[in-house]
PDB file of N, CA and C in Angstrom:
ATOM      1  N   MET A   1       0.802  -1.160  -0.021  1.00  0.00           N
ATOM      2  CA  MET A   1      -0.009   0.014   0.000  1.00  0.00           C
ATOM      3  C   MET A   1       0.862   1.273   0.003  1.00  0.00           C
ATOM      4  N   LEU A   2       1.953   1.236   0.746  1.00  0.00           N
ATOM      5  CA  LEU A   2       2.832   2.421   0.843  1.00  0.00           C
ATOM      6  C   LEU A   2       3.485   2.651  -0.546  1.00  0.00           C
ATOM      7  N   LEU A   3       3.797   1.582  -1.277  1.00  0.00           N
ATOM      8  CA  LEU A   3       4.394   1.723  -2.584  1.00  0.00           C
ATOM      9  C   LEU A   3       3.380   2.379  -3.527  1.00  0.00           C
ATOM     10  N   GLU A   4       2.123   1.976  -3.449  1.00  0.00           N
ATOM     11  CA  GLU A   4       1.110   2.608  -4.277  1.00  0.00           C
ATOM     12  C   GLU A   4       0.969   4.079  -3.946  1.00  0.00           C
ATOM     13  N   TYR A   5       0.982   4.370  -2.623  1.00  0.00           N
ATOM     14  CA  TYR A   5       0.873   5.795  -2.220  1.00  0.00           C
ATOM     15  C   TYR A   5       2.046   6.608  -2.770  1.00  0.00           C
ATOM     16  N   CYS A   6       3.290   6.106  -2.683  1.00  0.00           N
ATOM     17  CA  CYS A   6       4.440   6.822  -3.214  1.00  0.00           C
ATOM     18  C   CYS A   6       4.318   6.949  -4.724  1.00  0.00           C
ATOM     19  N   ARG A   7       3.798   5.915  -5.370  1.00  0.00           N
ATOM     20  CA  ARG A   7       3.622   5.956  -6.816  1.00  0.00           C
ATOM     21  C   ARG A   7       2.699   7.060  -7.243  1.00  0.00           C
ATOM     22  N   LEU A   8       1.654   7.243  -6.437  1.00  0.00           N
ATOM     23  CA  LEU A   8       0.659   8.318  -6.747  1.00  0.00           C
ATOM     24  C   LEU A   8       1.237   9.693  -6.474  1.00  0.00           C
ATOM     25  N   CYS A   9       2.167   9.790  -5.540  1.00  0.00           N
ATOM     26  CA  CYS A   9       2.804  11.099  -5.172  1.00  0.00           C
ATOM     27  C   CYS A   9       3.880  11.503  -6.189  1.00  0.00           C
ATOM     28  N   LEU A  10       4.459  10.578  -6.911  1.00  0.00           N
ATOM     29  CA  LEU A  10       5.530  10.896  -7.792  1.00  0.00           C
ATOM     30  C   LEU A  10       5.186  11.929  -8.888  1.00  0.00           C
ATOM     31  N   PRO A  11       3.997  11.859  -9.465  1.00  0.00           N
ATOM     32  CA  PRO A  11       3.663  12.819 -10.489  1.00  0.00           C
ATOM     33  C   PRO A  11       3.585  14.272 -10.017  1.00  0.00           C
ATOM     34  N   CYS A  12       3.518  14.529  -8.741  1.00  0.00           N
ATOM     35  CA  CYS A  12       3.360  15.904  -8.236  1.00  0.00           C
ATOM     36  C   CYS A  12       4.441  16.836  -8.702  1.00  0.00           C
ATOM     37  N   HIS A  13       5.691  16.365  -8.700  1.00  0.00           N
ATOM     38  CA  HIS A  13       6.748  17.309  -9.143  1.00  0.00           C
ATOM     39  C   HIS A  13       6.704  17.575 -10.618  1.00  0.00           C
ATOM     40  N   PHE A  14       6.070  16.726 -11.403  1.00  0.00           N
ATOM     41  CA  PHE A  14       5.929  16.991 -12.839  1.00  0.00           C
ATOM     42  C   PHE A  14       4.848  18.042 -13.074  1.00  0.00           C
ATOM     43  N   VAL A  15       3.881  18.203 -12.208  1.00  0.00           N
ATOM     44  CA  VAL A  15       2.878  19.220 -12.361  1.00  0.00           C
ATOM     45  C   VAL A  15       3.510  20.603 -12.372  1.00  0.00           C
ATOM     46  N   GLN A  16       4.411  20.810 -11.442  1.00  0.00           N
ATOM     47  CA  GLN A  16       5.122  22.104 -11.400  1.00  0.00           C
ATOM     48  C   GLN A  16       6.006  22.325 -12.638  1.00  0.00           C
ATOM     49  N   GLN A  17       6.685  21.243 -13.109  1.00  0.00           N
ATOM     50  CA  GLN A  17       7.481  21.368 -14.302  1.00  0.00           C
ATOM     51  C   GLN A  17       6.641  21.713 -15.498  1.00  0.00           C
ATOM     52  N   LEU A  18       5.501  21.054 -15.642  1.00  0.00           N
ATOM     53  CA  LEU A  18       4.582  21.355 -16.749  1.00  0.00           C
ATOM     54  C   LEU A  18       4.089  22.789 -16.646  1.00  0.00           C
ATOM     55  N   LYS A  19       3.724  23.182 -15.463  1.00  0.00           N
ATOM     56  CA  LYS A  19       3.220  24.566 -15.266  1.00  0.00           C
ATOM     57  C   LYS A  19       4.341  25.552 -15.667  1.00  0.00           C
ATOM     58  N   ASP A  20       5.580  25.298 -15.223  1.00  0.00           N
ATOM     59  CA  ASP A  20       6.678  26.174 -15.550  1.00  0.00           C
ATOM     60  C   ASP A  20       6.963  26.214 -17.016  1.00  0.00           C
ATOM     61  N   SER A  21       6.777  25.103 -17.719  1.00  0.00           N
ATOM     62  CA  SER A  21       7.026  25.094 -19.119  1.00  0.00           C
ATOM     63  C   SER A  21       6.007  25.891 -19.902  1.00  0.00           C
ATOM     64  N   PHE A  22       4.816  26.048 -19.372  1.00  0.00           N
ATOM     65  CA  PHE A  22       3.796  26.883 -20.037  1.00  0.00           C
ATOM     66  C   PHE A  22       4.027  28.387 -19.686  1.00  0.00           C
ATOM     67  N   GLU A  23       4.883  28.716 -18.733  1.00  0.00           N
ATOM     68  CA  GLU A  23       5.235  30.070 -18.405  1.00  0.00           C
ATOM     69  C   GLU A  23       6.379  30.581 -19.270  1.00  0.00           C
ATOM     70  N   CYS A  24       6.124  30.700 -20.578  1.00  0.00           N
ATOM     71  CA  CYS A  24       7.181  31.124 -21.477  1.00  0.00           C
ATOM     72  C   CYS A  24       7.336  32.626 -21.450  1.00  0.00           C
ATOM     73  N   GLY A  25       8.578  33.038 -21.490  1.00  0.00           N
ATOM     74  CA  GLY A  25       8.876  34.472 -21.565  1.00  0.00           C
ATOM     75  C   GLY A  25       8.875  34.991 -22.970  1.00  0.00           C
ATOM     76  N   ARG A  26       9.318  36.207 -23.158  1.00  0.00           N
ATOM     77  CA  ARG A  26       9.356  36.782 -24.480  1.00  0.00           C
ATOM     78  C   ARG A  26      10.315  36.105 -25.397  1.00  0.00           C
ATOM     79  N   SER A  27      11.405  35.569 -24.870  1.00  0.00           N
ATOM     80  CA  SER A  27      12.438  34.942 -25.724  1.00  0.00           C
ATOM     81  C   SER A  27      12.079  33.531 -26.090  1.00  0.00           C
ATOM     82  N   CYS A  28      10.994  33.002 -25.613  1.00  0.00           N
ATOM     83  CA  CYS A  28      10.609  31.622 -25.855  1.00  0.00           C
ATOM     84  C   CYS A  28       9.834  31.572 -27.197  1.00  0.00           C
ATOM     85  N   ASN A  29      10.094  30.535 -28.002  1.00  0.00           N
ATOM     86  CA  ASN A  29       9.368  30.387 -29.268  1.00  0.00           C
ATOM     87  C   ASN A  29       8.904  28.945 -29.366  1.00  0.00           C
ATOM     88  N   ALA A  30       8.155  28.640 -30.398  1.00  0.00           N
ATOM     89  CA  ALA A  30       7.581  27.316 -30.568  1.00  0.00           C
ATOM     90  C   ALA A  30       8.623  26.219 -30.717  1.00  0.00           C
ATOM     91  N   LYS A  31       9.760  26.538 -31.341  1.00  0.00           N
ATOM     92  CA  LYS A  31      10.791  25.496 -31.455  1.00  0.00           C
ATOM     93  C   LYS A  31      11.393  25.177 -30.104  1.00  0.00           C
ATOM     94  N   ALA A  32      11.552  26.173 -29.271  1.00  0.00           N
ATOM     95  CA  ALA A  32      12.083  25.916 -27.906  1.00  0.00           C
ATOM     96  C   ALA A  32      11.103  25.094 -27.106  1.00  0.00           C
ATOM     97  N   THR A  33       9.806  25.333 -27.246  1.00  0.00           N
ATOM     98  CA  THR A  33       8.805  24.581 -26.506  1.00  0.00           C
ATOM     99  C   THR A  33       8.756  23.120 -26.923  1.00  0.00           C
ATOM    100  N   VAL A  34       9.068  22.895 -28.180  1.00  0.00           N
ATOM    101  CA  VAL A  34       9.165  21.487 -28.668  1.00  0.00           C
ATOM    102  C   VAL A  34      10.263  20.773 -27.891  1.00  0.00           C
ATOM    103  N   VAL A  35      11.374  21.380 -27.693  1.00  0.00           N
ATOM    104  CA  VAL A  35      12.448  20.799 -26.962  1.00  0.00           C
ATOM    105  C   VAL A  35      12.040  20.579 -25.506  1.00  0.00           C
ATOM    106  N   VAL A  36      11.334  21.554 -24.906  1.00  0.00           N
ATOM    107  CA  VAL A  36      10.809  21.352 -23.548  1.00  0.00           C
ATOM    108  C   VAL A  36       9.914  20.139 -23.475  1.00  0.00           C
ATOM    109  N   GLY A  37       9.058  19.985 -24.440  1.00  0.00           N
ATOM    110  CA  GLY A  37       8.157  18.830 -24.491  1.00  0.00           C
ATOM    111  C   GLY A  37       8.921  17.512 -24.588  1.00  0.00           C
ATOM    112  N   GLU A  38       9.950  17.537 -25.404  1.00  0.00           N
ATOM    113  CA  GLU A  38      10.759  16.272 -25.583  1.00  0.00           C
ATOM    114  C   GLU A  38      11.451  15.966 -24.298  1.00  0.00           C
ATOM    115  N   VAL A  39      12.025  16.922 -23.616  1.00  0.00           N
ATOM    116  CA  VAL A  39      12.720  16.639 -22.343  1.00  0.00           C
ATOM    117  C   VAL A  39      11.746  16.142 -21.291  1.00  0.00           C
ATOM    118  N   LEU A  40      10.532  16.789 -21.209  1.00  0.00           N
ATOM    119  CA  LEU A  40       9.520  16.316 -20.238  1.00  0.00           C
ATOM    120  C   LEU A  40       9.094  14.895 -20.587  1.00  0.00           C
ATOM    121  N   ALA A  41       8.933  14.583 -21.844  1.00  0.00           N
ATOM    122  CA  ALA A  41       8.544  13.227 -22.310  1.00  0.00           C
ATOM    123  C   ALA A  41       9.592  12.219 -21.858  1.00  0.00           C
ATOM    124  N   MET A  42      10.895  12.563 -22.059  1.00  0.00           N
ATOM    125  CA  MET A  42      11.948  11.644 -21.640  1.00  0.00           C
ATOM    126  C   MET A  42      11.950  11.434 -20.106  1.00  0.00           C
ATOM    127  N   ARG A  43      11.717  12.521 -19.390  1.00  0.00           N
ATOM    128  CA  ARG A  43      11.701  12.365 -17.905  1.00  0.00           C
ATOM    129  C   ARG A  43      10.491  11.540 -17.425  1.00  0.00           C
ATOM    130  N   LEU A  44       9.345  11.758 -18.103  1.00  0.00           N
ATOM    131  CA  LEU A  44       8.189  10.937 -17.742  1.00  0.00           C
ATOM    132  C   LEU A  44       8.418   9.478 -18.039  1.00  0.00           C
ATOM    133  N   LYS A  45       9.137   9.191 -19.137  1.00  0.00           N
ATOM    134  CA  LYS A  45       9.404   7.782 -19.462  1.00  0.00           C
ATOM    135  C   LYS A  45      10.389   7.158 -18.498  1.00  0.00           C
ATOM    136  N   VAL A  46      11.376   7.925 -18.061  1.00  0.00           N
ATOM    137  CA  VAL A  46      12.334   7.399 -17.093  1.00  0.00           C
ATOM    138  C   VAL A  46      11.638   7.073 -15.789  1.00  0.00           C
ATOM    139  N   GLU A  47      10.679   7.908 -15.412  1.00  0.00           N
ATOM    140  CA  GLU A  47       9.936   7.679 -14.157  1.00  0.00           C
ATOM    141  C   GLU A  47       8.805   6.674 -14.336  1.00  0.00           C
ATOM    142  N   GLY A  48       8.563   6.246 -15.625  1.00  0.00           N
ATOM    143  CA  GLY A  48       7.514   5.231 -15.861  1.00  0.00           C
ATOM    144  C   GLY A  48       6.153   5.816 -15.810  1.00  0.00           C
ATOM    145  N   LEU A  49       6.010   7.138 -16.034  1.00  0.00           N
ATOM    146  CA  LEU A  49       4.735   7.792 -15.895  1.00  0.00           C
ATOM    147  C   LEU A  49       4.168   8.283 -17.249  1.00  0.00           C
ATOM    148  N   GLU A  50       4.723   7.888 -18.318  1.00  0.00           N
ATOM    149  CA  GLU A  50       4.273   8.401 -19.626  1.00  0.00           C
ATOM    150  C   GLU A  50       2.821   7.961 -19.934  1.00  0.00           C
ATOM    151  N   GLN A  51       2.345   6.907 -19.300  1.00  0.00           N
ATOM    152  CA  GLN A  51       0.970   6.440 -19.575  1.00  0.00           C
ATOM    153  C   GLN A  51       0.020   6.979 -18.517  1.00  0.00           C
ATOM    154  N   GLY A  52       0.453   7.792 -17.623  1.00  0.00           N
ATOM    155  CA  GLY A  52      -0.419   8.377 -16.599  1.00  0.00           C
ATOM    156  C   GLY A  52      -1.034   7.271 -15.717  1.00  0.00           C
ATOM    157  N   GLN A  53      -0.250   6.313 -15.299  1.00  0.00           N
ATOM    158  CA  GLN A  53      -0.684   5.125 -14.499  1.00  0.00           C
ATOM    159  C   GLN A  53      -1.783   4.377 -15.258  1.00  0.00           C
ATOM    160  N   GLY A  54      -1.655   4.288 -16.561  1.00  0.00           N
ATOM    161  CA  GLY A  54      -2.565   3.535 -17.395  1.00  0.00           C
ATOM    162  C   GLY A  54      -3.817   4.282 -17.837  1.00  0.00           C
ATOM    163  N   LYS A  55      -4.070   5.448 -17.199  1.00  0.00           N
ATOM    164  CA  LYS A  55      -5.254   6.202 -17.541  1.00  0.00           C
ATOM    165  C   LYS A  55      -4.987   7.383 -18.465  1.00  0.00           C
ATOM    166  N   GLY A  56      -3.731   7.650 -18.725  1.00  0.00           N
ATOM    167  CA  GLY A  56      -3.390   8.793 -19.537  1.00  0.00           C
ATOM    168  C   GLY A  56      -3.244  10.030 -18.698  1.00  0.00           C
ATOM    169  N   ILE A  57      -2.672  11.064 -19.290  1.00  0.00           N
ATOM    170  CA  ILE A  57      -2.501  12.362 -18.600  1.00  0.00           C
ATOM    171  C   ILE A  57      -3.493  13.328 -19.250  1.00  0.00           C
ATOM    172  N   HIS A  58      -4.407  13.792 -18.423  1.00  0.00           N
ATOM    173  CA  HIS A  58      -5.501  14.681 -18.923  1.00  0.00           C
ATOM    174  C   HIS A  58      -5.017  16.144 -18.977  1.00  0.00           C
ATOM    175  N   VAL A  59      -5.326  16.776 -20.105  1.00  0.00           N
ATOM    176  CA  VAL A  59      -4.896  18.174 -20.309  1.00  0.00           C
ATOM    177  C   VAL A  59      -6.083  18.923 -20.933  1.00  0.00           C
ATOM    178  N   ASN A  60      -6.295  20.132 -20.520  1.00  0.00           N
ATOM    179  CA  ASN A  60      -7.263  21.008 -21.107  1.00  0.00           C
ATOM    180  C   ASN A  60      -6.541  22.189 -21.756  1.00  0.00           C
ATOM    181  N   LEU A  61      -6.272  22.003 -23.087  1.00  0.00           N
ATOM    182  CA  LEU A  61      -5.463  22.993 -23.781  1.00  0.00           C
ATOM    183  C   LEU A  61      -6.159  24.298 -23.995  1.00  0.00           C
ATOM    184  N   ASN A  62      -7.510  24.254 -24.173  1.00  0.00           N
ATOM    185  CA  ASN A  62      -8.277  25.517 -24.323  1.00  0.00           C
ATOM    186  C   ASN A  62      -8.177  26.345 -23.047  1.00  0.00           C
ATOM    187  N   LYS A  63      -8.207  25.720 -21.903  1.00  0.00           N
ATOM    188  CA  LYS A  63      -8.043  26.439 -20.654  1.00  0.00           C
ATOM    189  C   LYS A  63      -6.677  27.066 -20.536  1.00  0.00           C
ATOM    190  N   GLU A  64      -5.650  26.345 -20.966  1.00  0.00           N
ATOM    191  CA  GLU A  64      -4.310  26.916 -20.934  1.00  0.00           C
ATOM    192  C   GLU A  64      -4.182  28.090 -21.910  1.00  0.00           C
ATOM    193  N   VAL A  65      -4.787  27.998 -23.036  1.00  0.00           N
ATOM    194  CA  VAL A  65      -4.758  29.112 -23.973  1.00  0.00           C
ATOM    195  C   VAL A  65      -5.441  30.289 -23.381  1.00  0.00           C
ATOM    196  N   GLU A  66      -6.591  30.107 -22.703  1.00  0.00           N
ATOM    197  CA  GLU A  66      -7.295  31.206 -22.046  1.00  0.00           C
ATOM    198  C   GLU A  66      -6.375  31.858 -20.988  1.00  0.00           C
ATOM    199  N   LYS A  67      -5.697  31.015 -20.193  1.00  0.00           N
ATOM    200  CA  LYS A  67      -4.871  31.578 -19.095  1.00  0.00           C
ATOM    201  C   LYS A  67      -3.615  32.277 -19.636  1.00  0.00           C
ATOM    202  N   LYS A  68      -2.975  31.708 -20.668  1.00  0.00           N
ATOM    203  CA  LYS A  68      -1.713  32.261 -21.145  1.00  0.00           C
ATOM    204  C   LYS A  68      -1.886  33.275 -22.256  1.00  0.00           C
ATOM    205  N   GLY A  69      -3.039  33.365 -22.849  1.00  0.00           N
ATOM    206  CA  GLY A  69      -3.322  34.293 -23.933  1.00  0.00           C
ATOM    207  C   GLY A  69      -3.263  33.659 -25.264  1.00  0.00           C
ATOM    208  N   PHE A  70      -4.002  34.253 -26.184  1.00  0.00           N
ATOM    209  CA  PHE A  70      -4.138  33.708 -27.510  1.00  0.00           C
ATOM    210  C   PHE A  70      -2.788  33.677 -28.269  1.00  0.00           C
ATOM    211  N   LYS A  71      -1.910  34.620 -27.976  1.00  0.00           N
ATOM    212  CA  LYS A  71      -0.584  34.702 -28.615  1.00  0.00           C
ATOM    213  C   LYS A  71       0.258  33.479 -28.351  1.00  0.00           C
ATOM    214  N   ASN A  72       0.032  32.808 -27.170  1.00  0.00           N
ATOM    215  CA  ASN A  72       0.824  31.677 -26.794  1.00  0.00           C
ATOM    216  C   ASN A  72       0.253  30.337 -27.216  1.00  0.00           C
ATOM    217  N   ARG A  73      -0.788  30.300 -28.000  1.00  0.00           N
ATOM    218  CA  ARG A  73      -1.449  29.027 -28.336  1.00  0.00           C
ATOM    219  C   ARG A  73      -0.501  28.125 -29.135  1.00  0.00           C
ATOM    220  N   THR A  74       0.340  28.690 -29.974  1.00  0.00           N
ATOM    221  CA  THR A  74       1.276  27.877 -30.784  1.00  0.00           C
ATOM    222  C   THR A  74       2.226  27.174 -29.870  1.00  0.00           C
ATOM    223  N   LYS A  75       2.733  27.882 -28.814  1.00  0.00           N
ATOM    224  CA  LYS A  75       3.653  27.271 -27.873  1.00  0.00           C
ATOM    225  C   LYS A  75       2.993  26.150 -27.079  1.00  0.00           C
ATOM    226  N   ILE A  76       1.756  26.394 -26.653  1.00  0.00           N
ATOM    227  CA  ILE A  76       1.041  25.409 -25.855  1.00  0.00           C
ATOM    228  C   ILE A  76       0.793  24.152 -26.657  1.00  0.00           C
ATOM    229  N   TRP A  77       0.335  24.315 -27.900  1.00  0.00           N
ATOM    230  CA  TRP A  77       0.122  23.161 -28.744  1.00  0.00           C
ATOM    231  C   TRP A  77       1.421  22.454 -29.099  1.00  0.00           C
ATOM    232  N   ALA A  78       2.486  23.239 -29.228  1.00  0.00           N
ATOM    233  CA  ALA A  78       3.820  22.632 -29.551  1.00  0.00           C
ATOM    234  C   ALA A  78       4.266  21.700 -28.419  1.00  0.00           C
ATOM    235  N   ILE A  79       4.055  22.107 -27.191  1.00  0.00           N
ATOM    236  CA  ILE A  79       4.442  21.246 -26.023  1.00  0.00           C
ATOM    237  C   ILE A  79       3.573  19.999 -26.040  1.00  0.00           C
ATOM    238  N   ALA A  80       2.266  20.163 -26.205  1.00  0.00           N
ATOM    239  CA  ALA A  80       1.374  19.008 -26.199  1.00  0.00           C
ATOM    240  C   ALA A  80       1.683  18.042 -27.337  1.00  0.00           C
ATOM    241  N   ASN A  81       1.895  18.538 -28.531  1.00  0.00           N
ATOM    242  CA  ASN A  81       2.250  17.680 -29.647  1.00  0.00           C
ATOM    243  C   ASN A  81       3.577  16.995 -29.461  1.00  0.00           C
ATOM    244  N   SER A  82       4.538  17.671 -28.864  1.00  0.00           N
ATOM    245  CA  SER A  82       5.844  17.102 -28.614  1.00  0.00           C
ATOM    246  C   SER A  82       5.724  15.961 -27.629  1.00  0.00           C
ATOM    247  N   LEU A  83       4.954  16.170 -26.557  1.00  0.00           N
ATOM    248  CA  LEU A  83       4.755  15.143 -25.592  1.00  0.00           C
ATOM    249  C   LEU A  83       4.086  13.876 -26.262  1.00  0.00           C
ATOM    250  N   ARG A  84       3.054  14.172 -27.048  1.00  0.00           N
ATOM    251  CA  ARG A  84       2.303  13.076 -27.726  1.00  0.00           C
ATOM    252  C   ARG A  84       3.243  12.352 -28.700  1.00  0.00           C
ATOM    253  N   ASN A  85       3.982  13.095 -29.459  1.00  0.00           N
ATOM    254  CA  ASN A  85       4.884  12.475 -30.471  1.00  0.00           C
ATOM    255  C   ASN A  85       6.040  11.667 -29.845  1.00  0.00           C
ATOM    256  N   ASN A  86       6.296  11.895 -28.588  1.00  0.00           N
ATOM    257  CA  ASN A  86       7.356  11.159 -27.898  1.00  0.00           C
ATOM    258  C   ASN A  86       6.807  10.101 -26.948  1.00  0.00           C
ATOM    259  N   GLY A  87       5.542   9.673 -27.241  1.00  0.00           N
ATOM    260  CA  GLY A  87       5.013   8.539 -26.580  1.00  0.00           C
ATOM    261  C   GLY A  87       4.267   8.707 -25.274  1.00  0.00           C
ATOM    262  N   VAL A  88       3.999   9.982 -24.928  1.00  0.00           N
ATOM    263  CA  VAL A  88       3.227  10.271 -23.706  1.00  0.00           C
ATOM    264  C   VAL A  88       1.784  10.241 -24.046  1.00  0.00           C
ATOM    265  N   LYS A  89       1.021   9.497 -23.266  1.00  0.00           N
ATOM    266  CA  LYS A  89      -0.421   9.322 -23.523  1.00  0.00           C
ATOM    267  C   LYS A  89      -1.178  10.498 -22.967  1.00  0.00           C
ATOM    268  N   LEU A  90      -1.494  11.489 -23.862  1.00  0.00           N
ATOM    269  CA  LEU A  90      -2.240  12.687 -23.472  1.00  0.00           C
ATOM    270  C   LEU A  90      -3.713  12.469 -23.861  1.00  0.00           C
ATOM    271  N   ILE A  91      -4.568  12.820 -22.922  1.00  0.00           N
ATOM    272  CA  ILE A  91      -6.021  12.805 -23.155  1.00  0.00           C
ATOM    273  C   ILE A  91      -6.498  14.256 -23.104  1.00  0.00           C
ATOM    274  N   LEU A  92      -6.998  14.783 -24.205  1.00  0.00           N
ATOM    275  CA  LEU A  92      -7.462  16.127 -24.236  1.00  0.00           C
ATOM    276  C   LEU A  92      -8.816  16.287 -23.645  1.00  0.00           C
ATOM    277  N   ASP A  93      -8.905  17.139 -22.621  1.00  0.00           N
ATOM    278  CA  ASP A  93     -10.200  17.416 -21.928  1.00  0.00           C
ATOM    279  C   ASP A  93     -10.713  18.766 -22.361  1.00  0.00           C
ATOM    280  N   ASP A  94     -10.647  19.037 -23.639  1.00  0.00           N
ATOM    281  CA  ASP A  94     -11.097  20.316 -24.148  1.00  0.00           C
ATOM    282  C   ASP A  94     -12.565  20.285 -24.392  1.00  0.00           C
ATOM    283  N   ASN A  95     -13.351  20.477 -23.339  1.00  0.00           N
ATOM    284  CA  ASN A  95     -14.804  20.471 -23.444  1.00  0.00           C
ATOM    285  C   ASN A  95     -15.267  21.791 -24.042  1.00  0.00           C
ATOM    286  N   ASP A  96     -16.015  21.644 -25.131  1.00  0.00           N
ATOM    287  CA  ASP A  96     -16.554  22.840 -25.810  1.00  0.00           C
ATOM    288  C   ASP A  96     -17.998  23.004 -25.305  1.00  0.00           C
ATOM    289  N   ASP A  97     -18.292  24.113 -24.651  1.00  0.00           N
ATOM    290  CA  ASP A  97     -19.587  24.332 -24.103  1.00  0.00           C
ATOM    291  C   ASP A  97     -20.658  24.473 -25.105  1.00  0.00           C
ATOM    292  N   SER A  98     -20.276  24.857 -26.351  1.00  0.00           N
ATOM    293  CA  SER A  98     -21.316  25.043 -27.394  1.00  0.00           C
ATOM    294  C   SER A  98     -21.867  23.729 -27.900  1.00  0.00           C
ATOM    295  N   THR A  99     -21.224  22.596 -27.672  1.00  0.00           N
ATOM    296  CA  THR A  99     -21.698  21.320 -28.106  1.00  0.00           C
ATOM    297  C   THR A  99     -22.603  20.667 -27.072  1.00  0.00           C
ATOM    298  N   SER A 100     -22.668  21.162 -25.897  1.00  0.00           N
ATOM    299  CA  SER A 100     -23.477  20.581 -24.838  1.00  0.00           C
ATOM    300  C   SER A 100     -24.930  20.968 -24.930  1.00  0.00           C
TER     301      SER A 100
END
């Protein structure tokens, strides 16, 4: 049971890293964010978390675009695509209210 508890706690430090990667400054561009996504994907694989404990890693990209601004949408999608292209199982939780 303790091992399972520790396993659930491991992803917590990745949350901050993902959050920091979305905090791009003026000098950050889409090519740089692709590299950030690749590095995060490699770290997730090393930790064995690329599948999100079998359930995938849920992301709401529309919410991130709203928070970071429309100008940063290319960077946000670049990170998400880079993670996906490097074997990380991302599940997009982009709920569109107009379809409900």
